[in-house]
Amino acid sequence: MIIWTLYERRSLFQTFINLHKIQKDDKLVLKPWIPKWKEEFEKEKSRLNEIILSKWKHIFHKELSPDGIVHIGSTSIEKIALAKPMHDVAIAITTKYLPETLCEDLEKAGYKYVGAAPHSISCQDHWFFNITPKNQIDLKGYGFDLHVVLPPSHQWLRDTIHFSQYLTENQIDRDRYASLKSEIAKTETSTLSYARKKQKLIHILFENSRQWTKTK
């Protein structure tokens, strides 16, 4: 059983407050995958690298983040029928704690600190940052959620990368996932409810991707 310190419980509570501020008016929007999403990711990776790469590359995980952020989430799954036009990206770092000066550099790059991920193992190993306020999404068409991942959550990121690769290559499960998204969107307008209702199938597809990865 995980026992959180008072500081960790407060950190988690503050994260939920921050997420609520960001997501309270976040209406569910789903769009078909387009090649432009890859271009948007590469452009953001290049922009962010100009700000942080030379200073922080020495703490980037050599396998998971060899040259900066990696693209995860539904917008990284090529040809998926439906996805939220919000890019999930991640950096895996090897330090025990999140460097405060890295947070400052990310904020200089336009990323807003949100807090510890709600599913974080200890509230200290997986952190959220967000760029592009939700009220600007309609104007720009996309935004970025950045996950900064410390060692205890490296396996989560590895599994997530494999999940995207698996669904890109496996049309049957990719279409199965997209079909569920479509069904949920018929009755849900909240991104939080949408995310919750996907979890059962996501767990199944994650296990499929793990078995697929073993054959590689």
N, C-alpha and C. Protein backbone atom coordinates (compact mmCIF):
# COMPACT_ATOMS: atom_id res chain seq x y z
N MET A 1 0.84 -1.19 0.00
CA MET A 1 0.00 0.00 0.00
C MET A 1 0.88 1.24 0.00
N ILE A 2 0.51 2.24 -0.83
CA ILE A 2 1.27 3.48 -0.90
C ILE A 2 0.85 4.40 0.24
N ILE A 3 1.81 4.90 1.01
CA ILE A 3 1.53 5.85 2.08
C ILE A 3 2.14 7.19 1.69
N TRP A 4 1.29 8.19 1.47
CA TRP A 4 1.77 9.50 1.05
C TRP A 4 2.03 10.39 2.26
N THR A 5 3.04 11.22 2.15
CA THR A 5 3.32 12.21 3.18
C THR A 5 2.29 13.33 3.08
N LEU A 6 2.25 14.17 4.11
CA LEU A 6 1.34 15.32 4.09
C LEU A 6 1.67 16.22 2.90
N TYR A 7 2.96 16.41 2.63
CA TYR A 7 3.36 17.24 1.49
C TYR A 7 2.84 16.66 0.18
N GLU A 8 2.95 15.35 0.04
CA GLU A 8 2.50 14.70 -1.19
C GLU A 8 0.98 14.80 -1.35
N ARG A 9 0.26 14.65 -0.24
CA ARG A 9 -1.20 14.78 -0.31
C ARG A 9 -1.60 16.20 -0.70
N ARG A 10 -0.89 17.18 -0.14
CA ARG A 10 -1.17 18.56 -0.50
C ARG A 10 -0.84 18.83 -1.97
N SER A 11 0.26 18.25 -2.45
CA SER A 11 0.65 18.41 -3.85
C SER A 11 -0.42 17.85 -4.78
N LEU A 12 -0.92 16.66 -4.42
CA LEU A 12 -1.95 16.03 -5.24
C LEU A 12 -3.23 16.86 -5.23
N PHE A 13 -3.61 17.36 -4.06
CA PHE A 13 -4.81 18.18 -3.95
C PHE A 13 -4.68 19.44 -4.79
N GLN A 14 -3.50 20.06 -4.75
CA GLN A 14 -3.28 21.27 -5.54
C GLN A 14 -3.34 20.97 -7.03
N THR A 15 -2.86 19.81 -7.42
CA THR A 15 -2.93 19.42 -8.83
C THR A 15 -4.38 19.35 -9.29
N PHE A 16 -5.24 18.73 -8.49
CA PHE A 16 -6.65 18.63 -8.87
C PHE A 16 -7.27 20.03 -9.00
N ILE A 17 -6.87 20.94 -8.13
CA ILE A 17 -7.37 22.32 -8.23
C ILE A 17 -6.91 22.95 -9.54
N ASN A 18 -5.62 22.78 -9.85
CA ASN A 18 -5.08 23.36 -11.08
C ASN A 18 -5.71 22.74 -12.32
N LEU A 19 -5.88 21.41 -12.30
CA LEU A 19 -6.50 20.74 -13.43
C LEU A 19 -7.94 21.21 -13.62
N HIS A 20 -8.63 21.44 -12.50
CA HIS A 20 -10.01 21.92 -12.60
C HIS A 20 -10.06 23.30 -13.24
N LYS A 21 -9.12 24.16 -12.88
CA LYS A 21 -9.08 25.50 -13.46
C LYS A 21 -8.85 25.43 -14.96
N ILE A 22 -7.99 24.48 -15.37
CA ILE A 22 -7.68 24.35 -16.79
C ILE A 22 -8.82 23.68 -17.55
N GLN A 23 -9.43 22.65 -16.94
CA GLN A 23 -10.34 21.78 -17.68
C GLN A 23 -11.82 22.03 -17.42
N LYS A 24 -12.16 22.96 -16.55
CA LYS A 24 -13.57 23.10 -16.19
C LYS A 24 -14.44 23.50 -17.38
N ASP A 25 -13.87 24.23 -18.34
CA ASP A 25 -14.62 24.63 -19.52
C ASP A 25 -14.16 23.87 -20.75
N ASP A 26 -13.46 22.79 -20.54
CA ASP A 26 -12.89 22.02 -21.64
C ASP A 26 -13.93 21.08 -22.21
N LYS A 27 -14.49 21.45 -23.34
CA LYS A 27 -15.51 20.63 -23.99
C LYS A 27 -14.84 19.60 -24.89
N LEU A 28 -15.44 18.45 -24.94
CA LEU A 28 -14.88 17.36 -25.73
C LEU A 28 -14.96 17.66 -27.22
N VAL A 29 -13.81 17.61 -27.87
CA VAL A 29 -13.72 17.78 -29.32
C VAL A 29 -12.87 16.64 -29.86
N LEU A 30 -13.38 15.92 -30.84
CA LEU A 30 -12.64 14.82 -31.46
C LEU A 30 -12.51 15.08 -32.95
N LYS A 31 -11.33 14.79 -33.47
CA LYS A 31 -11.08 14.99 -34.90
C LYS A 31 -10.31 13.80 -35.45
N PRO A 32 -10.46 13.52 -36.75
CA PRO A 32 -9.67 12.44 -37.36
C PRO A 32 -8.21 12.82 -37.45
N TRP A 33 -7.34 11.82 -37.36
CA TRP A 33 -5.90 12.06 -37.43
C TRP A 33 -5.53 12.68 -38.77
N ILE A 34 -4.62 13.65 -38.72
CA ILE A 34 -4.11 14.29 -39.94
C ILE A 34 -2.59 14.34 -39.86
N PRO A 35 -1.89 14.25 -41.00
CA PRO A 35 -0.42 14.30 -41.00
C PRO A 35 0.12 15.58 -40.36
N LYS A 36 -0.67 16.64 -40.39
CA LYS A 36 -0.22 17.91 -39.82
C LYS A 36 0.11 17.78 -38.35
N TRP A 37 -0.52 16.83 -37.67
CA TRP A 37 -0.24 16.67 -36.24
C TRP A 37 1.21 16.28 -36.00
N LYS A 38 1.77 15.47 -36.89
CA LYS A 38 3.18 15.12 -36.77
C LYS A 38 4.05 16.36 -36.94
N GLU A 39 3.66 17.22 -37.88
CA GLU A 39 4.41 18.45 -38.13
C GLU A 39 4.33 19.37 -36.93
N GLU A 40 3.16 19.46 -36.31
CA GLU A 40 3.00 20.31 -35.13
C GLU A 40 3.89 19.83 -33.99
N PHE A 41 3.95 18.52 -33.81
CA PHE A 41 4.81 17.96 -32.77
C PHE A 41 6.27 18.28 -33.06
N GLU A 42 6.73 18.02 -34.28
CA GLU A 42 8.13 18.26 -34.63
C GLU A 42 8.50 19.73 -34.49
N LYS A 43 7.58 20.60 -34.84
CA LYS A 43 7.83 22.04 -34.70
C LYS A 43 7.98 22.42 -33.24
N GLU A 44 7.10 21.87 -32.38
CA GLU A 44 7.19 22.18 -30.95
C GLU A 44 8.44 21.57 -30.33
N LYS A 45 8.80 20.37 -30.77
CA LYS A 45 10.02 19.74 -30.27
C LYS A 45 11.23 20.60 -30.59
N SER A 46 11.30 21.09 -31.81
CA SER A 46 12.42 21.94 -32.23
C SER A 46 12.44 23.24 -31.44
N ARG A 47 11.26 23.85 -31.25
CA ARG A 47 11.18 25.11 -30.51
C ARG A 47 11.61 24.92 -29.06
N LEU A 48 11.13 23.85 -28.43
CA LEU A 48 11.46 23.61 -27.03
C LEU A 48 12.93 23.24 -26.86
N ASN A 49 13.47 22.47 -27.80
CA ASN A 49 14.88 22.08 -27.72
C ASN A 49 15.80 23.29 -27.74
N GLU A 50 15.43 24.31 -28.48
CA GLU A 50 16.25 25.52 -28.52
C GLU A 50 16.37 26.16 -27.15
N ILE A 51 15.39 25.92 -26.30
CA ILE A 51 15.36 26.54 -24.98
C ILE A 51 15.99 25.65 -23.91
N ILE A 52 15.77 24.33 -24.00
CA ILE A 52 16.18 23.47 -22.87
C ILE A 52 17.22 22.41 -23.21
N LEU A 53 17.40 22.04 -24.49
CA LEU A 53 18.19 20.84 -24.80
C LEU A 53 19.63 20.94 -24.33
N SER A 54 20.33 22.01 -24.69
CA SER A 54 21.76 22.09 -24.36
C SER A 54 21.99 22.11 -22.85
N LYS A 55 21.07 22.71 -22.12
CA LYS A 55 21.22 22.84 -20.67
C LYS A 55 20.83 21.57 -19.93
N TRP A 56 19.87 20.80 -20.47
CA TRP A 56 19.29 19.71 -19.69
C TRP A 56 19.46 18.33 -20.30
N LYS A 57 20.08 18.22 -21.46
CA LYS A 57 20.18 16.92 -22.12
C LYS A 57 20.90 15.89 -21.24
N HIS A 58 21.80 16.34 -20.38
CA HIS A 58 22.57 15.41 -19.55
C HIS A 58 21.69 14.64 -18.57
N ILE A 59 20.46 15.12 -18.31
CA ILE A 59 19.57 14.37 -17.41
C ILE A 59 18.43 13.69 -18.17
N PHE A 60 18.40 13.82 -19.50
CA PHE A 60 17.38 13.13 -20.28
C PHE A 60 17.69 11.63 -20.33
N HIS A 61 16.67 10.81 -20.23
CA HIS A 61 16.85 9.36 -20.30
C HIS A 61 17.27 8.99 -21.72
N LYS A 62 18.36 8.26 -21.86
CA LYS A 62 18.95 8.00 -23.18
C LYS A 62 18.06 7.16 -24.08
N GLU A 63 17.24 6.30 -23.49
CA GLU A 63 16.33 5.48 -24.30
C GLU A 63 15.01 6.20 -24.57
N LEU A 64 14.43 6.80 -23.54
CA LEU A 64 13.08 7.35 -23.64
C LEU A 64 13.03 8.77 -24.17
N SER A 65 14.06 9.55 -23.91
CA SER A 65 14.10 10.94 -24.38
C SER A 65 15.50 11.28 -24.88
N PRO A 66 15.98 10.59 -25.91
CA PRO A 66 17.36 10.79 -26.35
C PRO A 66 17.65 12.19 -26.88
N ASP A 67 16.63 12.82 -27.47
CA ASP A 67 16.87 14.14 -28.07
C ASP A 67 15.71 15.10 -27.82
N GLY A 68 15.10 14.99 -26.65
CA GLY A 68 14.02 15.92 -26.32
C GLY A 68 12.70 15.22 -26.09
N ILE A 69 11.63 15.96 -26.28
CA ILE A 69 10.30 15.42 -26.00
C ILE A 69 9.94 14.29 -26.97
N VAL A 70 9.09 13.40 -26.48
CA VAL A 70 8.56 12.32 -27.32
C VAL A 70 7.04 12.50 -27.42
N HIS A 71 6.49 12.05 -28.51
CA HIS A 71 5.06 12.21 -28.80
C HIS A 71 4.31 10.98 -28.29
N ILE A 72 3.32 11.18 -27.43
CA ILE A 72 2.51 10.08 -26.91
C ILE A 72 1.04 10.46 -27.06
N GLY A 73 0.16 9.59 -26.61
CA GLY A 73 -1.26 9.90 -26.68
C GLY A 73 -1.85 9.69 -28.06
N SER A 74 -3.13 9.98 -28.19
CA SER A 74 -3.86 9.62 -29.42
C SER A 74 -3.38 10.35 -30.66
N THR A 75 -2.90 11.59 -30.52
CA THR A 75 -2.45 12.30 -31.72
C THR A 75 -1.17 11.71 -32.29
N SER A 76 -0.51 10.82 -31.53
CA SER A 76 0.69 10.15 -32.03
C SER A 76 0.36 8.84 -32.74
N ILE A 77 -0.91 8.43 -32.70
CA ILE A 77 -1.34 7.17 -33.33
C ILE A 77 -1.76 7.46 -34.76
N GLU A 78 -0.91 7.16 -35.70
CA GLU A 78 -1.18 7.51 -37.09
C GLU A 78 -2.43 6.82 -37.61
N LYS A 79 -3.25 7.62 -38.31
CA LYS A 79 -4.47 7.16 -38.99
C LYS A 79 -5.59 6.77 -38.03
N ILE A 80 -5.49 7.14 -36.76
CA ILE A 80 -6.62 6.85 -35.87
C ILE A 80 -7.80 7.71 -36.29
N ALA A 81 -8.98 7.13 -36.24
CA ALA A 81 -10.16 7.81 -36.77
C ALA A 81 -10.56 9.04 -35.96
N LEU A 82 -10.34 9.00 -34.64
CA LEU A 82 -10.74 10.11 -33.78
C LEU A 82 -9.72 10.33 -32.67
N ALA A 83 -9.43 11.60 -32.40
CA ALA A 83 -8.54 11.95 -31.29
C ALA A 83 -8.81 13.39 -30.88
N LYS A 84 -8.55 13.70 -29.62
CA LYS A 84 -8.61 15.10 -29.20
C LYS A 84 -7.42 15.83 -29.82
N PRO A 85 -7.62 17.02 -30.38
CA PRO A 85 -6.51 17.76 -31.00
C PRO A 85 -5.62 18.44 -29.97
N MET A 86 -5.24 17.68 -28.96
CA MET A 86 -4.37 18.17 -27.89
C MET A 86 -3.23 17.18 -27.79
N HIS A 87 -2.02 17.63 -28.05
CA HIS A 87 -0.87 16.72 -28.10
C HIS A 87 -0.34 16.42 -26.70
N ASP A 88 -0.22 15.14 -26.37
CA ASP A 88 0.51 14.72 -25.18
C ASP A 88 1.95 14.46 -25.57
N VAL A 89 2.87 15.10 -24.86
CA VAL A 89 4.29 14.91 -25.10
C VAL A 89 4.96 14.66 -23.76
N ALA A 90 6.16 14.09 -23.79
CA ALA A 90 6.81 13.72 -22.53
C ALA A 90 8.32 13.88 -22.61
N ILE A 91 8.91 14.14 -21.46
CA ILE A 91 10.36 14.09 -21.29
C ILE A 91 10.64 13.18 -20.10
N ALA A 92 11.51 12.21 -20.29
CA ALA A 92 11.94 11.35 -19.19
C ALA A 92 13.28 11.86 -18.68
N ILE A 93 13.35 12.14 -17.39
CA ILE A 93 14.61 12.60 -16.81
C ILE A 93 15.08 11.60 -15.76
N THR A 94 16.36 11.66 -15.45
CA THR A 94 16.97 10.63 -14.59
C THR A 94 17.21 11.09 -13.16
N THR A 95 16.83 12.32 -12.84
CA THR A 95 17.06 12.83 -11.49
C THR A 95 16.00 12.32 -10.52
N LYS A 96 16.34 12.33 -9.23
CA LYS A 96 15.42 11.86 -8.20
C LYS A 96 14.26 12.83 -8.00
N TYR A 97 14.55 14.13 -8.18
CA TYR A 97 13.54 15.16 -8.00
C TYR A 97 13.45 16.03 -9.25
N LEU A 98 12.34 16.73 -9.40
CA LEU A 98 12.15 17.65 -10.51
C LEU A 98 12.93 18.93 -10.24
N PRO A 99 13.95 19.25 -11.06
CA PRO A 99 14.74 20.45 -10.81
C PRO A 99 13.89 21.72 -10.93
N GLU A 100 14.00 22.58 -9.95
CA GLU A 100 13.21 23.81 -9.96
C GLU A 100 13.58 24.69 -11.15
N THR A 101 14.87 24.70 -11.49
CA THR A 101 15.29 25.54 -12.62
C THR A 101 14.79 24.99 -13.95
N LEU A 102 14.55 23.68 -14.04
CA LEU A 102 13.93 23.13 -15.25
C LEU A 102 12.50 23.64 -15.37
N CYS A 103 11.80 23.68 -14.25
CA CYS A 103 10.44 24.24 -14.26
C CYS A 103 10.47 25.68 -14.76
N GLU A 104 11.45 26.43 -14.30
CA GLU A 104 11.56 27.83 -14.71
C GLU A 104 11.81 27.94 -16.20
N ASP A 105 12.66 27.06 -16.73
CA ASP A 105 12.95 27.10 -18.16
C ASP A 105 11.73 26.69 -18.98
N LEU A 106 10.97 25.73 -18.49
CA LEU A 106 9.74 25.33 -19.19
C LEU A 106 8.72 26.46 -19.18
N GLU A 107 8.68 27.20 -18.08
CA GLU A 107 7.76 28.33 -18.01
C GLU A 107 8.20 29.44 -18.97
N LYS A 108 9.50 29.60 -19.14
CA LYS A 108 10.01 30.56 -20.12
C LYS A 108 9.58 30.15 -21.53
N ALA A 109 9.45 28.84 -21.73
CA ALA A 109 9.03 28.33 -23.04
C ALA A 109 7.52 28.39 -23.22
N GLY A 110 6.81 28.87 -22.20
CA GLY A 110 5.37 29.04 -22.31
C GLY A 110 4.54 27.97 -21.64
N TYR A 111 5.19 27.00 -20.99
CA TYR A 111 4.46 25.93 -20.33
C TYR A 111 4.06 26.33 -18.91
N LYS A 112 2.81 26.10 -18.58
CA LYS A 112 2.30 26.43 -17.25
C LYS A 112 2.40 25.20 -16.36
N TYR A 113 2.99 25.37 -15.20
CA TYR A 113 3.09 24.26 -14.24
C TYR A 113 1.72 23.91 -13.70
N VAL A 114 1.36 22.63 -13.74
CA VAL A 114 0.07 22.17 -13.22
C VAL A 114 0.26 21.44 -11.90
N GLY A 115 1.18 20.47 -11.85
CA GLY A 115 1.42 19.75 -10.61
C GLY A 115 1.65 18.28 -10.85
N ALA A 116 1.60 17.51 -9.77
CA ALA A 116 1.83 16.07 -9.85
C ALA A 116 0.67 15.39 -10.57
N ALA A 117 1.00 14.39 -11.37
CA ALA A 117 -0.04 13.63 -12.07
C ALA A 117 -0.90 12.89 -11.06
N PRO A 118 -2.22 12.87 -11.25
CA PRO A 118 -3.10 12.18 -10.29
C PRO A 118 -2.78 10.69 -10.13
N HIS A 119 -2.22 10.06 -11.18
CA HIS A 119 -1.91 8.63 -11.08
C HIS A 119 -0.45 8.39 -10.71
N SER A 120 0.25 9.45 -10.31
CA SER A 120 1.66 9.33 -9.93
C SER A 120 1.83 8.36 -8.78
N ILE A 121 2.90 7.58 -8.83
CA ILE A 121 3.16 6.59 -7.79
C ILE A 121 3.35 7.26 -6.43
N SER A 122 4.07 8.37 -6.39
CA SER A 122 4.36 8.99 -5.10
C SER A 122 4.15 10.50 -5.10
N CYS A 123 3.48 11.03 -6.12
CA CYS A 123 3.31 12.48 -6.27
C CYS A 123 4.63 13.18 -6.51
N GLN A 124 5.69 12.45 -6.77
CA GLN A 124 7.00 13.06 -6.97
C GLN A 124 7.67 12.58 -8.25
N ASP A 125 6.99 11.76 -9.04
CA ASP A 125 7.69 11.14 -10.16
C ASP A 125 7.05 11.38 -11.52
N HIS A 126 5.99 12.17 -11.57
CA HIS A 126 5.30 12.41 -12.84
C HIS A 126 4.59 13.76 -12.71
N TRP A 127 5.02 14.72 -13.53
CA TRP A 127 4.54 16.09 -13.38
C TRP A 127 3.90 16.59 -14.67
N PHE A 128 2.87 17.42 -14.52
CA PHE A 128 2.16 17.98 -15.66
C PHE A 128 2.55 19.44 -15.90
N PHE A 129 2.70 19.77 -17.17
CA PHE A 129 2.79 21.17 -17.61
C PHE A 129 1.83 21.31 -18.79
N ASN A 130 1.33 22.51 -18.99
CA ASN A 130 0.35 22.72 -20.05
C ASN A 130 0.70 23.99 -20.83
N ILE A 131 0.52 23.94 -22.14
CA ILE A 131 0.73 25.13 -22.97
C ILE A 131 -0.48 25.31 -23.87
N THR A 132 -0.73 26.55 -24.21
CA THR A 132 -1.87 26.97 -25.00
C THR A 132 -3.14 26.92 -24.15
N PRO A 133 -3.54 28.05 -23.56
CA PRO A 133 -4.77 28.07 -22.77
C PRO A 133 -5.94 27.53 -23.57
N LYS A 134 -6.87 26.88 -22.87
CA LYS A 134 -7.97 26.24 -23.57
C LYS A 134 -8.78 27.23 -24.41
N ASN A 135 -8.84 28.50 -23.98
CA ASN A 135 -9.63 29.45 -24.76
C ASN A 135 -8.94 29.85 -26.07
N GLN A 136 -7.71 29.37 -26.28
CA GLN A 136 -7.02 29.63 -27.53
C GLN A 136 -6.97 28.40 -28.43
N ILE A 137 -7.43 27.26 -27.93
CA ILE A 137 -7.37 26.03 -28.72
C ILE A 137 -8.13 26.19 -30.04
N ASP A 138 -9.32 26.81 -29.97
CA ASP A 138 -10.11 26.97 -31.19
C ASP A 138 -9.39 27.83 -32.22
N LEU A 139 -8.57 28.76 -31.74
CA LEU A 139 -7.85 29.64 -32.66
C LEU A 139 -6.65 28.95 -33.28
N LYS A 140 -5.90 28.23 -32.47
CA LYS A 140 -4.69 27.56 -32.96
C LYS A 140 -4.97 26.15 -33.45
N GLY A 141 -6.03 25.56 -32.93
CA GLY A 141 -6.39 24.22 -33.38
C GLY A 141 -5.75 23.11 -32.57
N TYR A 142 -4.80 23.43 -31.71
CA TYR A 142 -4.13 22.40 -30.94
C TYR A 142 -3.42 23.03 -29.74
N GLY A 143 -2.97 22.17 -28.84
CA GLY A 143 -2.18 22.60 -27.70
C GLY A 143 -1.32 21.43 -27.26
N PHE A 144 -0.59 21.62 -26.16
CA PHE A 144 0.32 20.57 -25.69
C PHE A 144 0.18 20.36 -24.19
N ASP A 145 0.10 19.10 -23.79
CA ASP A 145 0.23 18.72 -22.39
C ASP A 145 1.56 18.00 -22.25
N LEU A 146 2.43 18.53 -21.43
CA LEU A 146 3.77 17.98 -21.25
C LEU A 146 3.85 17.18 -19.95
N HIS A 147 4.32 15.94 -20.05
CA HIS A 147 4.56 15.09 -18.90
C HIS A 147 6.07 15.05 -18.66
N VAL A 148 6.51 15.44 -17.48
CA VAL A 148 7.91 15.29 -17.11
C VAL A 148 7.99 14.09 -16.17
N VAL A 149 8.69 13.06 -16.61
CA VAL A 149 8.62 11.75 -15.96
C VAL A 149 9.95 11.39 -15.31
N LEU A 150 9.91 11.09 -14.01
CA LEU A 150 11.09 10.70 -13.25
C LEU A 150 11.19 9.17 -13.18
N PRO A 151 12.32 8.62 -12.70
CA PRO A 151 12.57 7.17 -12.79
C PRO A 151 11.45 6.23 -12.37
N PRO A 152 10.73 6.45 -11.25
CA PRO A 152 9.69 5.48 -10.90
C PRO A 152 8.57 5.35 -11.94
N SER A 153 8.42 6.36 -12.80
CA SER A 153 7.38 6.31 -13.83
C SER A 153 7.93 6.08 -15.23
N HIS A 154 9.20 5.73 -15.34
CA HIS A 154 9.78 5.47 -16.66
C HIS A 154 9.08 4.31 -17.36
N GLN A 155 8.70 3.28 -16.59
CA GLN A 155 8.04 2.14 -17.23
C GLN A 155 6.67 2.55 -17.77
N TRP A 156 5.99 3.43 -17.07
CA TRP A 156 4.71 3.95 -17.57
C TRP A 156 4.92 4.61 -18.93
N LEU A 157 5.96 5.43 -19.06
CA LEU A 157 6.21 6.10 -20.34
C LEU A 157 6.60 5.09 -21.41
N ARG A 158 7.43 4.13 -21.05
CA ARG A 158 7.83 3.09 -22.02
C ARG A 158 6.59 2.35 -22.54
N ASP A 159 5.69 1.97 -21.63
CA ASP A 159 4.46 1.29 -22.03
C ASP A 159 3.59 2.18 -22.91
N THR A 160 3.56 3.46 -22.58
CA THR A 160 2.73 4.40 -23.34
C THR A 160 3.26 4.59 -24.76
N ILE A 161 4.58 4.65 -24.89
CA ILE A 161 5.19 4.75 -26.22
C ILE A 161 4.88 3.50 -27.04
N HIS A 162 5.03 2.34 -26.41
CA HIS A 162 4.73 1.08 -27.11
C HIS A 162 3.25 0.99 -27.48
N PHE A 163 2.38 1.52 -26.63
CA PHE A 163 0.94 1.54 -26.90
C PHE A 163 0.65 2.31 -28.19
N SER A 164 1.26 3.47 -28.34
CA SER A 164 1.07 4.27 -29.56
C SER A 164 1.62 3.55 -30.78
N GLN A 165 2.79 2.94 -30.63
CA GLN A 165 3.38 2.21 -31.75
C GLN A 165 2.52 1.02 -32.14
N TYR A 166 2.00 0.33 -31.14
CA TYR A 166 1.16 -0.84 -31.39
C TYR A 166 -0.10 -0.47 -32.15
N LEU A 167 -0.79 0.58 -31.71
CA LEU A 167 -2.03 0.96 -32.37
C LEU A 167 -1.78 1.54 -33.75
N THR A 168 -0.62 2.16 -33.96
CA THR A 168 -0.28 2.64 -35.29
C THR A 168 -0.17 1.47 -36.27
N GLU A 169 0.37 0.36 -35.79
CA GLU A 169 0.60 -0.80 -36.66
C GLU A 169 -0.58 -1.78 -36.70
N ASN A 170 -1.44 -1.75 -35.69
CA ASN A 170 -2.53 -2.73 -35.60
C ASN A 170 -3.87 -2.06 -35.87
N GLN A 171 -4.37 -2.19 -37.08
CA GLN A 171 -5.60 -1.49 -37.47
C GLN A 171 -6.82 -1.99 -36.71
N ILE A 172 -6.89 -3.27 -36.42
CA ILE A 172 -8.07 -3.82 -35.74
C ILE A 172 -8.26 -3.16 -34.37
N ASP A 173 -7.22 -3.16 -33.56
CA ASP A 173 -7.34 -2.54 -32.23
C ASP A 173 -7.40 -1.02 -32.33
N ARG A 174 -6.76 -0.44 -33.34
CA ARG A 174 -6.86 1.01 -33.54
C ARG A 174 -8.31 1.41 -33.83
N ASP A 175 -8.96 0.66 -34.71
CA ASP A 175 -10.36 0.94 -35.03
C ASP A 175 -11.27 0.65 -33.84
N ARG A 176 -10.92 -0.36 -33.07
CA ARG A 176 -11.69 -0.69 -31.86
C ARG A 176 -11.65 0.47 -30.87
N TYR A 177 -10.48 1.05 -30.70
CA TYR A 177 -10.29 2.18 -29.81
C TYR A 177 -11.07 3.40 -30.32
N ALA A 178 -10.96 3.67 -31.62
CA ALA A 178 -11.65 4.81 -32.20
C ALA A 178 -13.17 4.65 -32.12
N SER A 179 -13.64 3.42 -32.29
CA SER A 179 -15.08 3.16 -32.20
C SER A 179 -15.61 3.47 -30.81
N LEU A 180 -14.84 3.09 -29.78
CA LEU A 180 -15.26 3.41 -28.41
C LEU A 180 -15.29 4.92 -28.21
N LYS A 181 -14.29 5.62 -28.70
CA LYS A 181 -14.27 7.08 -28.60
C LYS A 181 -15.53 7.68 -29.19
N SER A 182 -15.90 7.18 -30.37
CA SER A 182 -17.09 7.69 -31.05
C SER A 182 -18.35 7.43 -30.25
N GLU A 183 -18.47 6.24 -29.67
CA GLU A 183 -19.65 5.90 -28.87
C GLU A 183 -19.75 6.78 -27.64
N ILE A 184 -18.63 6.99 -26.97
CA ILE A 184 -18.64 7.83 -25.76
C ILE A 184 -19.03 9.26 -26.11
N ALA A 185 -18.50 9.76 -27.23
CA ALA A 185 -18.74 11.15 -27.63
C ALA A 185 -20.21 11.42 -27.95
N LYS A 186 -20.98 10.38 -28.20
CA LYS A 186 -22.41 10.56 -28.49
C LYS A 186 -23.18 11.03 -27.26
N THR A 187 -22.67 10.69 -26.08
CA THR A 187 -23.40 11.02 -24.85
C THR A 187 -22.60 11.91 -23.89
N GLU A 188 -21.31 12.07 -24.13
CA GLU A 188 -20.47 12.85 -23.22
C GLU A 188 -19.93 14.11 -23.91
N THR A 189 -19.91 15.20 -23.18
CA THR A 189 -19.28 16.43 -23.66
C THR A 189 -18.09 16.82 -22.79
N SER A 190 -17.92 16.15 -21.67
CA SER A 190 -16.83 16.43 -20.74
C SER A 190 -15.62 15.56 -21.04
N THR A 191 -14.44 16.17 -21.12
CA THR A 191 -13.22 15.40 -21.38
C THR A 191 -12.89 14.48 -20.21
N LEU A 192 -13.26 14.88 -18.99
CA LEU A 192 -12.96 14.05 -17.82
C LEU A 192 -13.79 12.77 -17.85
N SER A 193 -15.08 12.88 -18.14
CA SER A 193 -15.94 11.69 -18.24
C SER A 193 -15.51 10.82 -19.40
N TYR A 194 -15.15 11.46 -20.50
CA TYR A 194 -14.66 10.75 -21.68
C TYR A 194 -13.44 9.91 -21.35
N ALA A 195 -12.49 10.52 -20.63
CA ALA A 195 -11.26 9.81 -20.26
C ALA A 195 -11.57 8.64 -19.34
N ARG A 196 -12.47 8.85 -18.40
CA ARG A 196 -12.81 7.79 -17.44
C ARG A 196 -13.45 6.59 -18.14
N LYS A 197 -14.32 6.84 -19.10
CA LYS A 197 -15.04 5.75 -19.76
C LYS A 197 -14.17 4.97 -20.74
N LYS A 198 -13.02 5.48 -21.06
CA LYS A 198 -12.10 4.75 -21.95
C LYS A 198 -11.22 3.76 -21.20
N GLN A 199 -11.14 3.89 -19.88
CA GLN A 199 -10.10 3.19 -19.13
C GLN A 199 -10.15 1.67 -19.25
N LYS A 200 -11.33 1.08 -19.23
CA LYS A 200 -11.42 -0.38 -19.28
C LYS A 200 -10.80 -0.92 -20.57
N LEU A 201 -11.15 -0.33 -21.71
CA LEU A 201 -10.58 -0.79 -22.97
C LEU A 201 -9.10 -0.46 -23.06
N ILE A 202 -8.71 0.69 -22.55
CA ILE A 202 -7.29 1.06 -22.58
C ILE A 202 -6.45 0.02 -21.86
N HIS A 203 -6.91 -0.47 -20.71
CA HIS A 203 -6.17 -1.50 -19.98
C HIS A 203 -6.01 -2.76 -20.83
N ILE A 204 -7.05 -3.13 -21.55
CA ILE A 204 -6.98 -4.31 -22.42
C ILE A 204 -5.98 -4.07 -23.55
N LEU A 205 -6.06 -2.90 -24.17
CA LEU A 205 -5.17 -2.59 -25.29
C LEU A 205 -3.72 -2.44 -24.84
N PHE A 206 -3.52 -1.93 -23.63
CA PHE A 206 -2.16 -1.86 -23.10
C PHE A 206 -1.57 -3.25 -22.96
N GLU A 207 -2.37 -4.19 -22.48
CA GLU A 207 -1.88 -5.56 -22.35
C GLU A 207 -1.59 -6.16 -23.72
N ASN A 208 -2.44 -5.88 -24.70
CA ASN A 208 -2.17 -6.34 -26.07
C ASN A 208 -0.86 -5.77 -26.58
N SER A 209 -0.62 -4.49 -26.28
CA SER A 209 0.62 -3.86 -26.76
C SER A 209 1.84 -4.45 -26.06
N ARG A 210 1.70 -4.82 -24.78
CA ARG A 210 2.82 -5.45 -24.07
C ARG A 210 3.18 -6.79 -24.71
N GLN A 211 2.16 -7.57 -25.03
CA GLN A 211 2.41 -8.87 -25.67
C GLN A 211 3.03 -8.67 -27.06
N TRP A 212 2.56 -7.67 -27.77
CA TRP A 212 3.09 -7.35 -29.10
C TRP A 212 4.55 -6.93 -29.00
N THR A 213 4.87 -6.14 -27.98
CA THR A 213 6.24 -5.65 -27.81
C THR A 213 7.21 -6.81 -27.57
N LYS A 214 6.76 -7.84 -26.88
CA LYS A 214 7.62 -9.00 -26.59
C LYS A 214 8.04 -9.72 -27.86
N THR A 215 7.28 -9.57 -28.94
CA THR A 215 7.60 -10.25 -30.20
C THR A 215 8.57 -9.45 -31.05
N LYS A 216 8.85 -8.23 -30.62
CA LYS A 216 9.71 -7.35 -31.42
C LYS A 216 11.19 -7.63 -31.15
